[in-house]
Protein backbone atom coordinates (compact mmCIF):
# COMPACT_ATOMS: atom_id res chain seq x y z
CA PHE A 1 94.74 93.25 149.43
CA GLN A 2 98.25 91.96 149.73
CA PRO A 3 100.88 91.76 146.71
CA LYS A 4 102.10 88.50 145.68
CA LYS A 5 105.29 87.29 147.77
CA ASP A 6 108.39 85.86 145.47
CA SER A 7 109.69 83.44 148.01
CA TRP A 8 113.06 83.35 146.24
CA ARG A 9 113.88 87.00 146.71
CA LYS A 10 114.26 89.37 149.32
CA PRO A 11 113.95 93.02 148.60
CA ILE A 12 116.26 95.66 150.05
CA HIS A 13 113.16 97.36 151.89
CA ASP A 14 110.29 96.16 154.25
CA PHE A 15 107.93 99.17 153.73
CA TYR A 16 104.54 97.66 152.61
CA SER A 17 103.77 100.91 150.99
CA ARG A 18 106.36 100.71 148.46
CA GLU A 19 105.49 96.99 147.61
CA ILE A 20 101.96 98.03 146.66
CA LYS A 21 103.11 100.85 144.37
CA ASP A 22 102.70 99.95 140.64
CA ILE A 23 104.94 102.65 138.93
CA ASP A 24 108.06 103.94 139.42
CA SER A 25 107.43 107.68 139.15
CA THR A 26 111.07 108.71 139.32
CA ILE A 27 112.11 107.40 135.97
CA LEU A 28 111.38 109.23 132.55
CA ILE A 29 112.22 106.15 130.41
CA ARG A 30 110.01 103.27 129.06
CA LYS A 31 112.73 101.12 128.06
CA THR A 32 116.64 100.77 127.09
CA PHE A 33 118.47 100.09 123.91
CA THR A 34 120.81 97.78 125.10
CA SER A 35 122.28 95.58 122.09
CA LYS A 36 125.34 94.10 120.63
CA ASN A 37 125.67 96.96 117.96
CA LYS A 38 128.56 98.84 117.46
CA SER A 39 128.34 102.08 119.22
CA TRP A 40 130.66 105.17 119.76
CA TRP A 41 131.49 103.91 123.48
CA SER A 42 132.22 100.37 121.94
CA PRO A 43 133.80 101.19 118.64
CA VAL A 44 136.20 97.87 118.25
CA GLU A 45 135.34 95.71 115.59
CA TYR A 46 136.49 91.82 114.85
CA ASP A 47 137.02 90.55 111.38
CA PHE A 48 135.35 87.24 111.14
CA GLU A 49 135.77 87.32 107.48
CA ARG A 50 139.42 86.92 107.61
CA TYR A 51 139.05 83.54 109.01
CA LYS A 52 136.05 82.29 107.08
CA ASN A 53 138.11 79.50 105.23
CA ILE A 54 139.66 77.94 108.31
CA SER A 55 137.97 75.41 110.67
CA ASP A 56 136.42 76.44 114.11
CA ALA A 57 139.35 74.39 115.94
CA GLU A 58 141.78 76.55 114.12
CA TRP A 59 140.08 79.91 114.65
CA LEU A 60 140.03 78.77 118.57
CA ASN A 61 143.61 78.19 118.58
CA ILE A 62 144.22 81.81 117.32
CA HIS A 63 144.56 83.99 120.28
CA ASP A 64 143.52 87.41 118.74
CA PHE A 65 141.23 88.76 121.21
CA PRO A 66 140.10 92.23 120.73
CA ASP A 67 142.35 94.61 122.22
CA SER A 68 140.70 95.81 125.53
CA SER A 69 143.25 98.88 125.94
CA LYS A 70 141.68 100.29 122.83
CA MET A 71 138.32 100.39 124.75
CA LEU A 72 138.82 102.18 127.77
CA ILE A 73 138.58 105.83 126.82
CA VAL A 74 135.92 106.83 124.02
CA LYS A 75 134.70 110.21 122.58
CA GLU A 76 131.04 111.27 122.22
CA PRO A 77 130.89 112.36 118.52
CA LYS A 78 128.41 115.08 118.88
CA THR A 79 130.32 116.96 121.93
CA GLY A 80 133.69 115.58 121.36
CA LYS A 81 133.73 114.95 125.34
CA GLU A 82 135.88 111.99 126.32
CA TYR A 83 134.82 109.44 128.62
CA TYR A 84 136.37 106.46 130.45
CA VAL A 85 134.70 102.83 130.21
CA LEU A 86 133.81 102.00 133.68
CA LEU A 87 131.79 98.79 132.77
CA SER A 88 131.09 97.04 129.41
CA PHE A 89 129.98 94.02 128.05
CA PRO A 90 130.96 93.83 124.30
CA GLU A 91 130.27 90.79 122.02
CA TRP A 92 131.29 90.11 118.58
CA SER A 93 129.53 87.39 116.60
CA SER A 94 130.00 86.15 112.90
CA ARG A 95 126.06 85.26 112.91
CA LYS A 96 124.26 86.02 109.72
CA GLU A 97 120.45 85.69 110.30
CA GLU A 98 119.81 82.06 111.77
CA GLU A 99 122.79 80.35 110.53
CA TYR A 100 124.46 77.52 112.87
CA PRO A 101 127.04 77.03 113.78
CA TYR A 102 128.60 80.47 114.45
CA ARG A 103 131.58 82.17 116.21
CA ILE A 104 131.44 84.52 118.96
CA ILE A 105 133.63 86.38 121.40
CA TRP A 106 132.17 88.15 124.38
CA MET A 107 134.17 90.24 126.80
CA GLN A 108 133.51 91.62 130.49
CA ILE A 109 135.10 94.97 131.34
CA ARG A 110 134.69 95.90 135.32
CA SER A 111 136.59 98.48 137.22
CA TYR A 112 137.37 99.07 140.79
CA LEU A 113 138.51 102.04 143.04
CA VAL A 114 141.69 100.79 144.54
CA PRO A 115 143.61 102.82 147.33
CA LYS A 116 147.16 104.11 146.33
CA LYS A 117 148.73 102.49 149.47
CA GLY A 118 149.50 98.93 148.35
CA TYR A 119 148.26 99.39 144.90
CA MET A 120 151.47 98.07 143.18
CA LYS A 121 151.85 94.85 145.12
CA PHE A 122 148.05 94.28 144.34
CA TRP A 123 148.51 94.96 140.67
CA ARG A 124 151.56 92.46 140.38
CA TRP A 125 149.54 89.84 142.04
CA LEU A 126 146.41 90.53 139.92
CA LYS A 127 148.15 90.40 136.52
CA THR A 128 149.03 86.94 137.09
CA LEU A 129 145.42 85.54 137.51
CA ASN A 130 142.64 84.07 135.49
CA PHE A 131 139.37 85.79 136.00
CA MET A 132 137.23 83.00 134.93
CA GLY A 133 134.38 82.49 137.49
CA ARG A 134 133.88 85.73 138.13
CA TRP A 135 135.41 85.45 141.55
CA THR A 136 136.42 89.27 141.75
CA PRO A 137 134.09 91.28 143.88
CA GLU A 138 131.23 92.94 141.61
CA GLY A 139 128.80 95.43 142.23
CA PHE A 140 125.56 94.76 143.53
CA GLU A 141 122.27 94.14 142.01
CA LEU A 142 119.54 95.92 143.61
CA TYR A 143 115.67 95.81 142.83
CA GLU A 144 112.35 96.63 144.20
CA ASN A 145 112.90 100.23 145.02
CA LEU A 146 112.59 103.40 143.13
CA ILE A 147 115.52 104.15 140.76
CA GLY A 148 115.46 107.92 141.19
CA GLU A 149 115.79 107.43 144.81
CA TYR A 150 119.42 105.69 144.71
CA PRO A 151 121.59 105.90 146.84
CA TRP A 152 120.06 108.45 149.38
CA ALA A 153 116.60 106.89 150.36
CA ILE A 154 116.45 105.07 153.51
CA PRO A 155 116.09 101.54 151.91
CA TYR A 156 119.25 101.86 149.98
CA LYS A 157 121.12 103.50 153.01
CA ARG A 158 120.20 100.60 155.18
CA PHE A 159 121.36 98.08 152.47
CA PHE A 160 124.68 99.70 152.21
CA GLU A 161 124.84 99.80 156.21
CA GLU A 162 124.56 96.04 155.92
CA TYR A 163 126.70 95.25 152.95
CA PRO A 164 129.55 97.88 152.54
CA GLU A 165 130.81 98.57 149.18
CA TRP A 166 134.50 98.21 149.90
CA LYS A 167 135.18 94.43 149.79
CA GLU A 168 138.35 92.18 150.25
CA VAL A 169 139.42 89.89 147.33
CA ASP A 170 139.46 86.13 147.61
CA GLY A 171 142.93 84.92 147.63
CA TYR A 172 144.70 88.05 148.24
CA GLN A 173 146.90 87.53 151.38
CA HIS A 174 146.65 91.24 152.67
CA LYS A 175 143.14 90.97 154.55
CA ASN A 176 142.87 94.53 155.24
CA PHE A 177 143.40 95.76 151.57
CA LYS A 178 139.82 96.57 150.13
CA ILE A 179 138.64 97.67 146.66
CA LEU A 180 135.49 99.12 145.45
CA PRO A 181 133.65 97.90 142.23
CA ALA A 182 132.77 101.27 140.40
CA SER A 183 129.24 100.66 139.68
CA ASN A 184 126.05 98.93 141.00
CA THR A 185 123.05 97.69 138.89
CA LEU A 186 119.55 98.87 139.69
CA LEU A 187 116.86 96.33 138.46
CA TYR A 188 113.15 97.34 137.92
CA GLU A 189 110.91 94.40 136.82
CA LYS A 190 107.91 95.04 134.55
CA ILE A 191 105.21 93.12 136.42
CA ARG A 192 102.27 95.42 137.04
CA ASP A 193 103.75 98.73 135.88
CA GLU A 194 102.30 99.67 132.66
CA SER A 195 104.61 103.04 132.35
CA ILE A 196 107.54 101.00 130.98
CA ASP A 197 107.52 98.67 128.31
CA GLU A 198 109.90 96.18 129.48
CA SER A 199 111.94 95.17 132.63
CA LEU A 200 114.80 97.89 133.19
CA SER A 201 118.49 97.25 134.17
CA ILE A 202 120.40 100.36 134.61
CA GLU A 203 123.94 100.77 135.78
CA VAL A 204 124.67 103.66 138.03
CA PRO A 205 127.82 104.96 139.93
CA ALA A 206 128.92 103.20 143.12
CA ARG A 207 127.83 105.06 146.26
CA GLU A 208 131.04 106.31 147.13
CA PHE A 209 131.06 108.77 144.36
CA PHE A 210 127.50 110.27 145.76
CA LEU A 211 129.14 110.43 149.09
CA LYS A 212 132.00 112.57 147.82
CA ALA A 213 130.13 114.67 144.76
CA ASN A 214 126.91 116.25 144.57
CA LEU A 215 125.47 114.13 142.02
CA LYS A 216 122.34 114.65 140.40
CA TRP A 217 120.32 112.53 138.25
CA ASP A 218 118.29 113.42 135.18
CA GLY A 219 115.66 110.84 135.29
CA LYS A 220 117.15 109.01 132.49
CA GLY A 221 120.77 108.09 131.93
CA ASN A 222 122.86 110.63 133.12
CA TYR A 223 124.33 111.95 136.46
CA PHE A 224 125.54 115.81 136.83
CA VAL A 225 127.77 117.73 138.91
CA ASN A 226 127.24 121.35 138.46
CA ASP A 227 125.11 121.12 135.35
CA SER A 228 128.15 118.97 133.69
CA ILE A 229 127.47 115.33 132.81
CA ALA A 230 129.90 113.16 135.04
CA PHE A 231 128.43 109.51 134.58
CA VAL A 232 126.51 108.18 131.38
CA PHE A 233 124.45 105.10 131.00
CA PRO A 234 124.58 105.40 127.17
CA SER A 235 121.92 102.79 126.00
CA VAL A 236 119.12 104.73 127.59
CA TYR A 237 119.55 106.94 124.47
CA GLU A 238 120.85 104.72 121.55
CA PRO A 239 121.54 101.17 120.74
CA GLY A 240 124.90 99.79 122.03
CA PRO A 241 126.67 97.32 124.61
CA TYR A 242 125.35 97.55 128.32
CA SER A 243 128.22 100.02 129.76
CA LEU A 244 128.55 102.70 132.34
CA LEU A 245 131.02 105.95 131.18
CA VAL A 246 132.59 108.28 133.44
CA GLU A 247 133.84 111.88 132.14
CA LYS A 248 137.35 111.95 131.77
CA GLN A 249 138.43 114.89 133.84
CA PHE A 250 135.77 114.15 136.64
CA ILE A 251 137.28 110.60 137.41
CA GLU A 252 141.06 111.83 137.37
CA ASP A 253 140.13 114.54 139.70
CA PHE A 254 138.34 112.17 141.88
CA LEU A 255 140.96 109.58 141.99
CA LYS A 256 143.56 112.50 142.80
CA ASN A 257 141.80 114.19 145.52
CA GLU A 258 140.86 110.52 147.13
CA ASN A 259 144.30 109.16 146.81
CA LEU A 260 142.97 106.16 144.68
CA VAL A 261 143.68 104.39 141.11
CA LEU A 262 141.34 102.95 138.96
CA ILE A 263 141.88 99.17 138.05
CA TRP A 264 140.02 97.48 135.22
CA THR A 265 139.71 93.52 134.97
CA VAL A 266 139.01 92.08 131.45
CA LEU A 267 137.79 88.57 130.87
CA SER A 268 137.04 87.34 127.52
CA GLU A 269 136.42 84.02 125.69
CA LYS A 270 135.86 82.61 122.22
CA GLN A 271 133.06 80.21 121.64
CA ILE A 272 131.42 78.11 118.92
CA ILE A 273 127.62 78.13 119.25
CA GLN A 274 125.58 75.00 117.85
CA LYS A 275 122.17 74.92 117.44
CA PHE A 276 121.34 71.70 119.42
CA THR A 277 124.48 70.09 120.68
CA SER A 278 127.16 71.34 122.44
CA SER A 279 130.65 71.75 120.94
CA GLN A 280 133.54 69.46 122.02
CA LEU A 281 136.01 71.89 121.47
CA LYS A 282 138.14 73.80 124.03
CA PHE A 283 137.24 77.42 124.23
CA PRO A 284 140.10 79.83 125.35
CA THR A 285 139.60 82.56 127.61
CA TYR A 286 141.71 85.80 128.05
CA SER A 287 142.28 87.73 131.26
CA ARG A 288 143.73 91.10 131.35
CA ILE A 289 144.16 94.23 133.87
CA HIS A 290 144.79 97.75 133.16
CA MET A 291 145.25 100.81 135.41
CA LEU A 292 144.56 104.50 135.44
CA LYS A 293 147.01 106.53 137.66
CA ASN A 294 147.83 110.17 137.57
CA GLY A 295 145.93 110.55 133.93
CA LYS A 296 147.91 107.56 132.54
CA ILE A 297 146.76 104.14 131.57
CA LEU A 298 149.12 101.12 132.38
CA SER A 299 148.20 97.68 130.75
CA SER A 300 149.60 94.16 131.68
CA GLU A 301 150.03 91.55 128.94
CA GLY A 302 147.23 89.49 128.58
CA LEU A 303 146.88 85.82 129.79
CA VAL A 304 145.32 82.96 127.73
CA ASN A 305 143.95 80.02 129.15
CA VAL A 306 142.68 76.72 127.65
CA GLU A 307 140.83 74.18 129.58
């Protein structure tokens, strides 16, 4: 017996015994609740009703993108604990049931560990740029390995030896300057595994955090340090946008101890969604950056681009 090979994909390991396993015994969930719903970690709303009497073209020309500066720090309502949002993909839609056309705004919030040495020059360069095209470094997508063994198992170690997390930024003239995406994605496909209800995509902290802190996973969506939550993948527990959160004091201490700052990039776009045809209208995009340094958030002006 040999498992079927997918010719277009290369797993991060070459262990035959891993390939024939039909269950991930390290994970305690059957599915996630990732959705476009408003949630405590994505509380900002957009009022589409305000513009219901104007045309789609007029709406696209109003550059009132949701304020990303209000999405970076959130409070868990049950405990009152504060978290920074390291990554999130919120979306707002005017759609009601099956109506077409409808209006949407999507947004991608990503974050990076950045060395303090040279960070201001990098900040000044970055805030002038359009992020459309996803040309900035992103975290890795890792698959075909046990989720609970991230990142210490041999397959993961081999992967990171070959593909370092610290990366240069395309277009930035200082070639020795590297940044690190704050998270990676673990993918686990439902092919033969009946212990899960659907394929899983789980956002996890970058390996760098594990090298500097004794993080322990709970088998679901939390990573702990000394019995205190440090990272949360909240849509394991309740509906909301795909996101990764980090406890406020943990990341502030981490940045201070490692002589780093945290920089967020934000990319957003307004769109009109048709049923069968594509819109001939031009969709505006929005780029912005934020920075966490010494416990304070600095924000740039947003840049709008229409092509």
